[in-house]
N, C-alpha and C. Protein backbone atom coordinates (compact mmCIF):
# COMPACT_ATOMS: atom_id res chain seq x y z
N MET A 1 5.81 -23.13 25.66
CA MET A 1 5.43 -22.42 24.51
C MET A 1 4.48 -23.31 23.65
N ASN A 2 3.06 -22.64 23.12
CA ASN A 2 2.45 -23.18 22.34
C ASN A 2 1.53 -22.14 21.35
N PHE A 3 1.53 -22.50 20.13
CA PHE A 3 1.21 -21.25 19.13
C PHE A 3 -0.19 -21.85 18.48
N THR A 4 -0.68 -22.72 19.21
CA THR A 4 -1.93 -23.75 18.94
C THR A 4 -3.09 -23.79 19.77
N PRO A 5 -4.21 -22.99 19.86
CA PRO A 5 -4.71 -22.36 18.33
C PRO A 5 -3.96 -21.06 18.40
N PHE A 6 -3.90 -20.96 17.03
CA PHE A 6 -3.12 -19.34 16.71
C PHE A 6 -3.81 -18.23 17.34
N PRO A 7 -2.82 -17.59 18.29
CA PRO A 7 -2.79 -16.44 18.99
C PRO A 7 -3.59 -15.52 18.39
N GLU A 8 -4.72 -14.55 18.12
CA GLU A 8 -4.90 -13.51 17.14
C GLU A 8 -4.88 -12.31 18.43
N LEU A 9 -4.06 -11.44 17.99
CA LEU A 9 -4.41 -9.93 18.54
C LEU A 9 -5.24 -8.98 18.32
N THR A 10 -5.78 -8.09 19.01
CA THR A 10 -6.60 -6.95 18.57
C THR A 10 -6.05 -5.66 19.55
N SER A 11 -6.45 -4.68 18.70
CA SER A 11 -6.23 -3.35 19.56
C SER A 11 -6.98 -2.35 19.16
N GLU A 12 -7.17 -1.09 19.32
CA GLU A 12 -7.99 -0.56 18.92
C GLU A 12 -8.37 -0.09 17.17
N ARG A 13 -7.45 -0.10 16.82
CA ARG A 13 -7.35 -0.12 15.12
C ARG A 13 -7.62 -1.62 14.45
N LEU A 14 -6.55 -2.31 15.07
CA LEU A 14 -6.08 -3.58 14.55
C LEU A 14 -6.12 -4.90 14.87
N PHE A 15 -6.04 -5.64 13.68
CA PHE A 15 -6.40 -7.10 13.97
C PHE A 15 -5.34 -7.54 13.61
N LEU A 16 -4.24 -8.54 14.31
CA LEU A 16 -3.29 -9.36 14.12
C LEU A 16 -3.33 -11.04 13.88
N ARG A 17 -3.71 -11.07 12.42
CA ARG A 17 -3.88 -12.76 12.48
C ARG A 17 -3.25 -13.57 11.58
N GLN A 18 -3.25 -14.85 11.46
CA GLN A 18 -2.54 -15.51 11.06
C GLN A 18 -2.25 -15.50 9.27
N ILE A 19 -1.16 -15.45 9.17
CA ILE A 19 -1.19 -15.15 7.71
C ILE A 19 -1.29 -16.61 6.61
N ALA A 20 -1.98 -15.96 5.66
CA ALA A 20 -2.83 -17.26 5.35
C ALA A 20 -1.86 -17.25 3.28
N GLN A 21 -2.47 -18.76 2.60
CA GLN A 21 -1.64 -18.75 1.43
C GLN A 21 -2.66 -17.64 0.77
N ALA A 22 -3.56 -17.32 0.61
CA ALA A 22 -4.26 -16.36 0.12
C ALA A 22 -3.60 -14.68 -0.23
N ASP A 23 -2.97 -14.74 1.09
CA ASP A 23 -2.15 -13.52 1.30
C ASP A 23 -0.66 -13.42 0.66
N SER A 24 -0.45 -14.68 -0.22
CA SER A 24 0.81 -14.49 -1.11
C SER A 24 1.00 -13.12 -1.95
N ASP A 25 0.16 -12.54 -2.31
CA ASP A 25 0.56 -11.51 -3.21
C ASP A 25 0.95 -10.35 -2.30
N VAL A 26 0.11 -9.91 -0.98
CA VAL A 26 0.66 -9.16 -0.45
C VAL A 26 2.03 -9.43 0.40
N ILE A 27 2.64 -10.69 0.56
CA ILE A 27 3.75 -11.21 1.16
C ILE A 27 4.63 -10.97 0.32
N LEU A 28 4.62 -11.25 -0.96
CA LEU A 28 5.30 -10.96 -2.44
C LEU A 28 5.97 -9.31 -2.27
N PHE A 29 4.77 -8.57 -2.07
CA PHE A 29 5.04 -6.91 -1.89
C PHE A 29 5.68 -6.56 -0.85
N LEU A 30 5.27 -7.09 0.38
CA LEU A 30 6.12 -6.22 1.73
C LEU A 30 7.62 -7.18 1.40
N ARG A 31 8.46 -8.49 0.89
CA ARG A 31 9.53 -8.97 1.18
C ARG A 31 10.27 -8.93 -0.40
N SER A 32 9.61 -7.93 -1.05
CA SER A 32 10.33 -7.53 -2.38
C SER A 32 10.70 -5.86 -2.56
N ASP A 33 9.56 -5.13 -2.50
CA ASP A 33 9.34 -3.85 -2.39
C ASP A 33 10.41 -3.28 -2.04
N LYS A 34 11.31 -2.26 -2.83
CA LYS A 34 12.50 -1.58 -2.06
C LYS A 34 12.40 -0.57 -1.40
N ALA A 35 11.24 0.08 -1.30
CA ALA A 35 10.91 0.84 -0.06
C ALA A 35 10.77 0.11 1.31
N VAL A 36 10.33 -0.95 1.06
CA VAL A 36 9.88 -1.65 2.47
C VAL A 36 10.91 -2.38 3.12
N ASN A 37 11.60 -2.59 1.79
CA ASN A 37 13.02 -3.28 2.31
C ASN A 37 14.41 -2.59 2.35
N LYS A 38 14.20 -1.43 2.42
CA LYS A 38 15.54 -0.46 2.05
C LYS A 38 16.51 -0.74 3.22
N TYR A 39 15.98 -1.10 4.57
CA TYR A 39 17.18 -1.78 5.39
C TYR A 39 17.19 -2.81 5.71
N ILE A 40 16.63 -3.81 4.87
CA ILE A 40 16.88 -5.10 5.56
C ILE A 40 17.67 -5.69 4.17
N GLU A 41 18.67 -6.46 4.81
CA GLU A 41 19.54 -7.30 4.02
C GLU A 41 19.49 -8.65 4.11
N ARG A 42 19.23 -9.33 3.17
CA ARG A 42 18.59 -10.72 3.01
C ARG A 42 19.62 -11.40 2.23
N PRO A 43 20.04 -12.69 2.78
CA PRO A 43 20.64 -13.45 1.69
C PRO A 43 20.16 -13.98 0.82
N GLU A 44 20.49 -14.30 -0.34
CA GLU A 44 19.74 -14.78 -1.69
C GLU A 44 18.74 -15.39 -1.48
N SER A 45 19.23 -16.50 -0.39
CA SER A 45 18.45 -17.77 -0.15
C SER A 45 17.31 -17.77 0.60
N ARG A 46 16.94 -16.41 1.06
CA ARG A 46 16.04 -15.72 1.90
C ARG A 46 14.83 -14.92 1.49
N LYS A 47 15.44 -14.52 -0.09
CA LYS A 47 14.74 -13.38 -0.80
C LYS A 47 13.37 -14.10 -1.33
N THR A 48 12.33 -13.32 -1.31
CA THR A 48 11.04 -13.68 -2.03
C THR A 48 11.03 -12.77 -3.26
N LYS A 49 11.24 -13.81 -4.28
CA LYS A 49 11.13 -12.89 -5.84
C LYS A 49 10.20 -13.04 -6.54
N ASN A 50 9.22 -14.27 -6.29
CA ASN A 50 8.15 -14.33 -7.09
C ASN A 50 6.92 -14.82 -6.18
N LYS A 51 5.52 -15.07 -6.79
CA LYS A 51 4.32 -15.71 -5.90
C LYS A 51 4.75 -17.07 -5.15
N ALA A 52 5.64 -17.96 -6.11
CA ALA A 52 6.19 -19.43 -5.47
C ALA A 52 6.99 -19.29 -4.20
N ASP A 53 7.84 -18.28 -4.22
CA ASP A 53 8.80 -17.77 -3.16
C ASP A 53 7.91 -17.41 -2.34
N ALA A 54 6.88 -16.43 -2.32
CA ALA A 54 6.15 -16.25 -1.25
C ALA A 54 4.88 -17.15 -0.37
N ILE A 55 4.60 -18.02 -1.42
CA ILE A 55 3.76 -19.35 -0.91
C ILE A 55 4.85 -20.30 0.00
N LYS A 56 5.97 -20.35 -0.45
CA LYS A 56 6.97 -21.43 0.21
C LYS A 56 7.26 -20.49 1.67
N PHE A 57 7.75 -19.27 1.56
CA PHE A 57 7.57 -18.59 3.07
C PHE A 57 6.69 -18.42 3.55
N ILE A 58 5.29 -18.47 3.34
CA ILE A 58 3.95 -18.58 3.99
C ILE A 58 4.03 -20.00 4.80
N THR A 59 3.96 -21.06 3.71
CA THR A 59 4.22 -22.28 4.46
C THR A 59 5.38 -22.51 5.70
N GLY A 60 6.35 -22.13 5.04
CA GLY A 60 7.63 -22.37 6.20
C GLY A 60 6.92 -21.20 7.86
N LEU A 61 6.29 -20.27 7.98
CA LEU A 61 5.88 -19.52 8.87
C LEU A 61 4.46 -20.43 9.66
N HIS A 62 4.13 -21.11 8.77
CA HIS A 62 2.91 -22.04 9.19
C HIS A 62 3.44 -23.02 10.10
N GLU A 63 4.34 -23.85 9.65
CA GLU A 63 5.73 -24.87 9.96
C GLU A 63 6.21 -24.13 11.26
N ALA A 64 7.04 -22.96 11.23
CA ALA A 64 7.60 -22.63 12.39
C ALA A 64 6.77 -22.41 14.10
N ALA A 65 5.30 -21.81 13.31
CA ALA A 65 4.54 -21.66 14.22
C ALA A 65 3.78 -23.13 14.98
N LYS A 66 3.52 -24.03 13.89
CA LYS A 66 2.78 -25.61 14.39
C LYS A 66 4.36 -25.78 15.46
N ASN A 67 5.78 -25.80 14.99
CA ASN A 67 6.55 -26.23 15.81
C ASN A 67 7.17 -25.70 17.13
N ASN A 68 6.27 -24.39 17.24
CA ASN A 68 6.80 -23.48 18.24
C ASN A 68 7.79 -22.82 18.12
N LYS A 69 8.46 -22.77 16.82
CA LYS A 69 9.82 -22.26 16.52
C LYS A 69 9.49 -20.49 16.67
N SER A 70 8.89 -20.03 16.11
CA SER A 70 8.32 -18.63 15.74
C SER A 70 6.87 -18.39 15.54
N ILE A 71 6.41 -16.97 15.57
CA ILE A 71 4.91 -16.62 15.52
C ILE A 71 5.11 -15.60 14.64
N SER A 72 4.57 -15.59 13.23
CA SER A 72 4.27 -14.47 12.92
C SER A 72 2.58 -13.87 12.09
N TRP A 73 2.27 -12.92 12.61
CA TRP A 73 1.02 -12.45 12.28
C TRP A 73 1.03 -11.39 11.08
N GLY A 74 0.15 -11.09 10.24
CA GLY A 74 -0.28 -10.49 9.60
C GLY A 74 -1.16 -9.43 10.29
N ILE A 75 -0.91 -7.77 9.91
CA ILE A 75 -1.44 -6.71 10.32
C ILE A 75 -2.73 -6.10 9.52
N THR A 76 -3.47 -6.20 10.41
CA THR A 76 -4.79 -5.75 9.30
C THR A 76 -5.63 -4.82 10.20
N LEU A 77 -6.51 -3.90 9.35
CA LEU A 77 -7.01 -2.58 10.01
C LEU A 77 -8.21 -3.57 10.19
N LYS A 78 -9.30 -3.34 11.35
CA LYS A 78 -10.31 -4.18 11.72
C LYS A 78 -11.24 -4.25 10.71
N ASN A 79 -11.19 -2.94 9.99
CA ASN A 79 -12.64 -3.14 9.25
C ASN A 79 -12.39 -3.40 7.41
N ASN A 80 -10.65 -3.93 7.57
CA ASN A 80 -10.55 -4.53 6.09
C ASN A 80 -9.41 -6.05 6.40
N PRO A 81 -9.51 -6.91 6.04
CA PRO A 81 -9.11 -8.18 6.09
C PRO A 81 -7.31 -8.23 5.51
N GLU A 82 -7.17 -7.36 4.42
CA GLU A 82 -6.35 -7.16 3.93
C GLU A 82 -5.04 -6.73 4.70
N ILE A 83 -3.79 -7.95 4.67
CA ILE A 83 -2.45 -7.80 5.17
C ILE A 83 -1.91 -6.10 4.79
N ILE A 84 -1.55 -5.27 5.52
CA ILE A 84 -0.82 -4.37 5.37
C ILE A 84 0.61 -4.14 5.81
N GLY A 85 0.89 -5.31 6.54
CA GLY A 85 2.19 -5.48 7.09
C GLY A 85 2.24 -6.69 8.04
N THR A 86 3.40 -6.95 8.40
CA THR A 86 3.83 -8.12 8.98
C THR A 86 4.69 -7.72 10.61
N ILE A 87 4.50 -8.65 11.70
CA ILE A 87 5.26 -8.73 12.87
C ILE A 87 5.18 -9.81 13.37
N CYS A 88 6.51 -10.20 13.87
CA CYS A 88 6.64 -11.78 14.21
C CYS A 88 7.84 -11.57 15.42
N LEU A 89 7.56 -12.67 16.29
CA LEU A 89 8.92 -13.40 17.23
C LEU A 89 9.22 -14.31 16.77
N TRP A 90 10.85 -14.25 16.96
CA TRP A 90 10.91 -15.49 16.41
C TRP A 90 13.04 -15.59 16.91
N ASN A 91 13.37 -16.62 16.44
CA ASN A 91 14.76 -16.68 16.91
C ASN A 91 14.83 -16.53 18.72
N PHE A 92 14.26 -17.54 19.03
CA PHE A 92 13.82 -17.80 20.22
C PHE A 92 15.10 -18.29 21.31
N SER A 93 15.42 -17.86 22.20
CA SER A 93 16.70 -18.51 23.20
C SER A 93 16.67 -19.97 23.50
N GLU A 94 17.31 -20.83 23.65
CA GLU A 94 16.92 -22.45 24.05
C GLU A 94 16.22 -22.57 25.19
N ASN A 95 16.31 -21.42 25.96
CA ASN A 95 15.36 -21.94 27.08
C ASN A 95 14.17 -20.75 26.92
N ASN A 96 13.92 -20.45 25.68
CA ASN A 96 12.62 -19.35 25.43
C ASN A 96 12.49 -18.23 26.74
N LYS A 97 13.47 -17.74 26.90
CA LYS A 97 13.32 -16.29 27.72
C LYS A 97 13.28 -15.28 26.99
N THR A 98 14.01 -15.36 25.71
CA THR A 98 14.42 -14.05 24.81
C THR A 98 13.86 -14.29 23.59
N ALA A 99 13.48 -13.59 22.82
CA ALA A 99 13.34 -13.70 21.42
C ALA A 99 13.87 -12.17 20.51
N GLU A 100 13.54 -12.54 19.36
CA GLU A 100 13.94 -11.42 18.58
C GLU A 100 12.33 -10.69 18.09
N ILE A 101 12.19 -9.57 17.49
CA ILE A 101 10.95 -9.00 17.31
C ILE A 101 11.58 -8.72 15.48
N GLY A 102 10.36 -8.71 14.70
CA GLY A 102 10.51 -8.16 13.26
C GLY A 102 9.59 -7.67 12.59
N TYR A 103 9.54 -6.71 11.84
CA TYR A 103 8.15 -6.33 11.27
C TYR A 103 8.33 -5.25 9.89
N ASP A 104 7.75 -5.12 9.27
CA ASP A 104 7.46 -4.52 7.98
C ASP A 104 6.18 -3.86 7.85
N LEU A 105 5.96 -2.82 7.09
CA LEU A 105 4.57 -2.18 6.77
C LEU A 105 4.44 -1.49 5.61
N ASN A 106 3.95 -1.91 4.62
CA ASN A 106 3.38 -0.96 3.86
C ASN A 106 3.31 0.71 3.53
N PRO A 107 4.68 1.09 3.14
CA PRO A 107 4.97 2.56 2.87
C PRO A 107 3.50 3.48 2.65
N LEU A 108 2.27 2.91 2.47
CA LEU A 108 0.89 3.55 2.42
C LEU A 108 0.54 3.69 3.68
N PHE A 109 1.26 3.36 4.64
CA PHE A 109 0.44 3.08 6.02
C PHE A 109 1.34 3.63 7.07
N HIS A 110 2.62 3.87 6.20
CA HIS A 110 3.58 4.73 7.60
C HIS A 110 3.06 5.99 8.11
N LYS A 111 3.91 6.58 9.30
CA LYS A 111 3.30 7.51 9.92
C LYS A 111 2.02 7.85 10.16
N LYS A 112 1.18 6.77 10.79
CA LYS A 112 -0.14 6.37 11.03
C LYS A 112 -0.30 5.99 12.66
N GLY A 113 0.98 5.47 13.25
CA GLY A 113 0.69 4.91 14.54
C GLY A 113 0.51 3.49 14.31
N ILE A 114 0.45 2.75 13.01
CA ILE A 114 -0.14 1.44 13.06
C ILE A 114 1.07 0.47 13.63
N MET A 115 2.32 0.79 13.37
CA MET A 115 3.54 -0.26 13.89
C MET A 115 3.44 -0.01 15.26
N ASN A 116 3.35 1.30 16.05
CA ASN A 116 3.41 1.32 17.09
C ASN A 116 2.11 0.52 17.96
N GLU A 117 1.11 0.76 17.38
CA GLU A 117 -0.06 -0.27 17.70
C GLU A 117 0.29 -1.60 17.61
N ALA A 118 0.70 -2.47 16.83
CA ALA A 118 1.13 -3.55 16.41
C ALA A 118 2.22 -4.07 17.31
N LEU A 119 3.07 -3.40 17.46
CA LEU A 119 4.37 -3.56 18.47
C LEU A 119 3.80 -3.57 19.86
N LYS A 120 3.23 -2.59 20.24
CA LYS A 120 2.71 -2.82 21.83
C LYS A 120 2.04 -4.26 22.21
N GLN A 121 1.08 -4.79 21.04
CA GLN A 121 0.20 -5.99 21.54
C GLN A 121 0.97 -6.96 21.07
N VAL A 122 2.38 -6.93 20.72
CA VAL A 122 3.24 -8.35 20.31
C VAL A 122 4.02 -8.37 21.42
N ILE A 123 4.52 -7.10 22.01
CA ILE A 123 5.25 -7.03 23.06
C ILE A 123 4.54 -7.43 24.87
N ASP A 124 3.62 -6.83 24.60
CA ASP A 124 2.44 -7.60 25.49
C ASP A 124 2.35 -8.89 25.52
N PHE A 125 2.33 -9.38 24.27
CA PHE A 125 1.70 -10.97 24.36
C PHE A 125 3.14 -11.54 24.65
N GLY A 126 4.33 -11.36 24.25
CA GLY A 126 5.69 -11.87 24.66
C GLY A 126 6.03 -11.96 25.83
N PHE A 127 5.41 -10.80 26.64
CA PHE A 127 5.88 -10.60 28.17
C PHE A 127 4.79 -11.38 29.13
N LYS A 128 3.56 -11.22 28.58
CA LYS A 128 2.31 -11.81 29.50
C LYS A 128 1.87 -13.18 28.98
N GLN A 129 2.04 -13.64 27.60
CA GLN A 129 1.60 -15.05 27.46
C GLN A 129 2.75 -15.83 27.29
N LEU A 130 3.80 -15.31 26.63
CA LEU A 130 5.10 -16.25 26.68
C LEU A 130 6.00 -16.15 27.61
N LYS A 131 5.68 -15.30 28.89
CA LYS A 131 6.50 -15.20 29.77
C LYS A 131 8.28 -14.80 29.10
N LEU A 132 8.50 -14.14 28.17
CA LEU A 132 9.56 -13.89 28.00
C LEU A 132 10.74 -13.22 28.96
N GLN A 133 11.66 -13.07 29.40
CA GLN A 133 12.32 -11.97 29.88
C GLN A 133 12.66 -11.12 29.22
N LYS A 134 13.24 -11.31 28.03
CA LYS A 134 13.65 -9.91 26.90
C LYS A 134 13.00 -10.32 25.52
N ILE A 135 13.23 -8.84 24.85
CA ILE A 135 12.70 -8.80 23.58
C ILE A 135 13.76 -8.04 22.84
N GLU A 136 14.25 -8.79 21.41
CA GLU A 136 15.24 -8.13 21.14
C GLU A 136 15.02 -7.64 19.63
N ALA A 137 15.51 -6.36 19.24
CA ALA A 137 15.13 -6.05 17.45
C ALA A 137 16.87 -5.67 17.36
N PHE A 138 16.75 -5.97 15.81
CA PHE A 138 17.86 -5.84 15.26
C PHE A 138 17.35 -4.92 14.14
N THR A 139 17.97 -3.38 14.15
CA THR A 139 17.66 -2.71 12.95
C THR A 139 18.83 -1.98 12.22
N HIS A 140 18.95 -1.54 10.90
CA HIS A 140 19.82 -0.99 10.33
C HIS A 140 19.90 0.35 11.00
N PHE A 141 21.49 0.58 11.41
CA PHE A 141 21.66 1.89 11.97
C PHE A 141 21.22 3.00 11.36
N LYS A 142 20.87 3.49 10.06
CA LYS A 142 20.47 4.11 9.40
C LYS A 142 18.87 4.70 9.44
N ASN A 143 18.08 3.45 9.96
CA ASN A 143 16.77 3.12 10.24
C ASN A 143 16.75 3.77 10.99
N GLN A 144 16.34 5.28 10.80
CA GLN A 144 15.64 6.19 12.20
C GLN A 144 14.25 5.94 12.42
N THR A 145 13.34 5.73 11.71
CA THR A 145 12.00 5.31 12.11
C THR A 145 11.80 4.25 12.70
N SER A 146 12.66 3.03 12.40
CA SER A 146 12.37 1.89 13.35
C SER A 146 13.23 2.39 14.89
N LYS A 147 14.29 2.78 14.86
CA LYS A 147 14.96 3.31 16.01
C LYS A 147 13.99 3.90 16.82
N LYS A 148 13.39 4.68 16.53
CA LYS A 148 12.57 6.33 17.38
C LYS A 148 11.40 5.32 17.46
N LEU A 149 10.94 4.20 16.75
CA LEU A 149 9.85 3.48 17.37
C LEU A 149 10.04 2.46 18.56
N LEU A 150 11.16 1.94 18.22
CA LEU A 150 11.94 0.91 19.62
C LEU A 150 12.17 1.52 20.50
N ILE A 151 12.77 2.81 20.76
CA ILE A 151 12.91 3.71 21.94
C ILE A 151 11.51 4.34 22.50
N ASN A 152 10.73 4.61 21.90
CA ASN A 152 9.48 5.20 22.07
C ASN A 152 8.71 4.01 23.00
N ASN A 153 9.11 2.81 22.67
CA ASN A 153 8.34 1.61 22.91
C ASN A 153 9.08 0.89 24.26
N GLY A 154 10.10 1.54 24.80
CA GLY A 154 10.92 1.04 25.76
C GLY A 154 12.42 0.30 25.43
N PHE A 155 12.33 0.11 24.27
CA PHE A 155 13.76 -0.47 24.03
C PHE A 155 14.71 0.23 24.30
N HIS A 156 16.09 -0.32 24.50
CA HIS A 156 17.40 0.47 24.74
C HIS A 156 18.52 0.23 23.88
N LEU A 157 19.27 0.67 23.45
CA LEU A 157 20.36 0.63 22.39
C LEU A 157 21.14 -0.12 23.34
N MET A 158 22.01 -0.96 22.67
CA MET A 158 22.67 -2.18 23.46
C MET A 158 24.11 -1.98 22.74
N ASP A 159 24.70 -0.53 23.05
CA ASP A 159 25.89 -0.12 22.50
C ASP A 159 27.19 -1.54 22.63
N ASN A 160 26.99 -2.20 23.57
CA ASN A 160 28.17 -3.04 23.61
C ASN A 160 27.73 -4.76 22.84
N ARG A 161 26.86 -4.61 21.88
CA ARG A 161 26.56 -5.73 21.21
C ARG A 161 26.48 -5.28 19.85
N SER A 162 26.90 -6.42 19.20
CA SER A 162 26.92 -6.20 17.15
C SER A 162 26.05 -7.35 16.82
N ASP A 163 25.63 -7.27 15.83
CA ASP A 163 25.03 -8.17 14.90
C ASP A 163 26.25 -9.22 14.11
N GLU A 164 26.34 -10.12 14.37
CA GLU A 164 27.45 -10.90 13.82
C GLU A 164 27.18 -10.93 12.19
N ASP A 165 25.92 -11.19 12.11
CA ASP A 165 25.44 -11.79 10.44
C ASP A 165 25.32 -10.37 9.81
N ASN A 166 25.11 -9.15 10.54
CA ASN A 166 25.01 -7.97 9.55
C ASN A 166 26.01 -6.49 10.62
N PRO A 167 26.79 -6.24 10.19
CA PRO A 167 27.70 -5.36 11.10
C PRO A 167 27.05 -3.94 10.80
N ALA A 168 25.85 -3.69 9.96
CA ALA A 168 25.22 -2.38 9.76
C ALA A 168 24.00 -2.42 10.54
N ASN A 169 23.48 -3.49 11.47
CA ASN A 169 22.36 -3.46 11.97
C ASN A 169 22.96 -3.02 13.77
N VAL A 170 22.52 -2.30 14.34
CA VAL A 170 22.23 -2.48 15.88
C VAL A 170 21.29 -2.80 16.47
N ILE A 171 21.55 -3.14 17.91
CA ILE A 171 20.49 -3.94 18.59
C ILE A 171 20.14 -3.34 19.71
N PHE A 172 18.86 -3.60 19.66
CA PHE A 172 17.97 -2.88 20.78
C PHE A 172 17.22 -3.98 21.60
N GLU A 173 17.31 -3.95 23.10
CA GLU A 173 16.45 -4.61 23.87
C GLU A 173 15.24 -4.05 24.84
N ILE A 174 14.25 -4.59 24.84
CA ILE A 174 13.63 -4.39 26.11
C ILE A 174 13.12 -5.67 27.04
N ASN A 175 13.37 -5.27 28.52
CA ASN A 175 13.26 -6.37 29.07
C ASN A 175 11.69 -6.62 29.99
N ASN A 176 11.27 -7.64 30.20
CA ASN A 176 9.79 -7.59 31.01
C ASN A 176 9.83 -6.80 32.25
N PRO A 177 9.14 -6.09 32.54
CA PRO A 177 9.23 -5.56 33.95
C PRO A 177 8.94 -6.58 34.88
N GLN A 178 8.03 -7.41 34.87
CA GLN A 178 7.25 -8.31 35.57
C GLN A 178 8.49 -9.36 36.02
N THR A 179 9.32 -9.32 35.35
CA THR A 179 10.64 -10.60 35.94
C THR A 179 11.94 -9.29 36.45
N ASN A 180 12.72 -10.46 36.99
CA ASN A 180 13.64 -9.69 37.38
C ASN A 180 15.10 -10.18 36.83
N THR A 181 15.42 -9.41 35.68
CA THR A 181 16.54 -10.18 34.86
C THR A 181 17.82 -9.74 35.33
N ILE A 182 18.75 -10.50 35.41
CA ILE A 182 20.28 -10.15 35.78
C ILE A 182 21.29 -10.35 34.92
């Protein structure tokens, strides 16, 4: 697995790019806004409370990508470089066959198919470029929009699994159709 050079992704309307220090105001908003984080529970140590925290978070994203531990994209519209959301693959298994996907989006862009479009690109990248066998998603059981997004993109609820760190989460999985996972 190698995230250098950083893999930029495009779709019909979107450009997924590396998050830069210049994006710190948007990252602060996305990680601290009550509407965006309604269903996200972060420990105090992982909360982003000010611009310095946002810059530290972005620096951590760059380090994680450089060390091939995770990859996070800023979601932008093709005609505007400002980030409107983020999407990532992280929490890779030791054998790099499974990863977790995470995402957030500015509420001004909800219900426009933006995250659906971004999710398709990242799933495709995970399965075709990284050769993942499975992608997991952890979402709050009350987050109907996220659950619907996952189901519409081929994820299946795993009733037999639970999130040890957050009992309010449910777990979804999608298997790579190109591999035989048992």
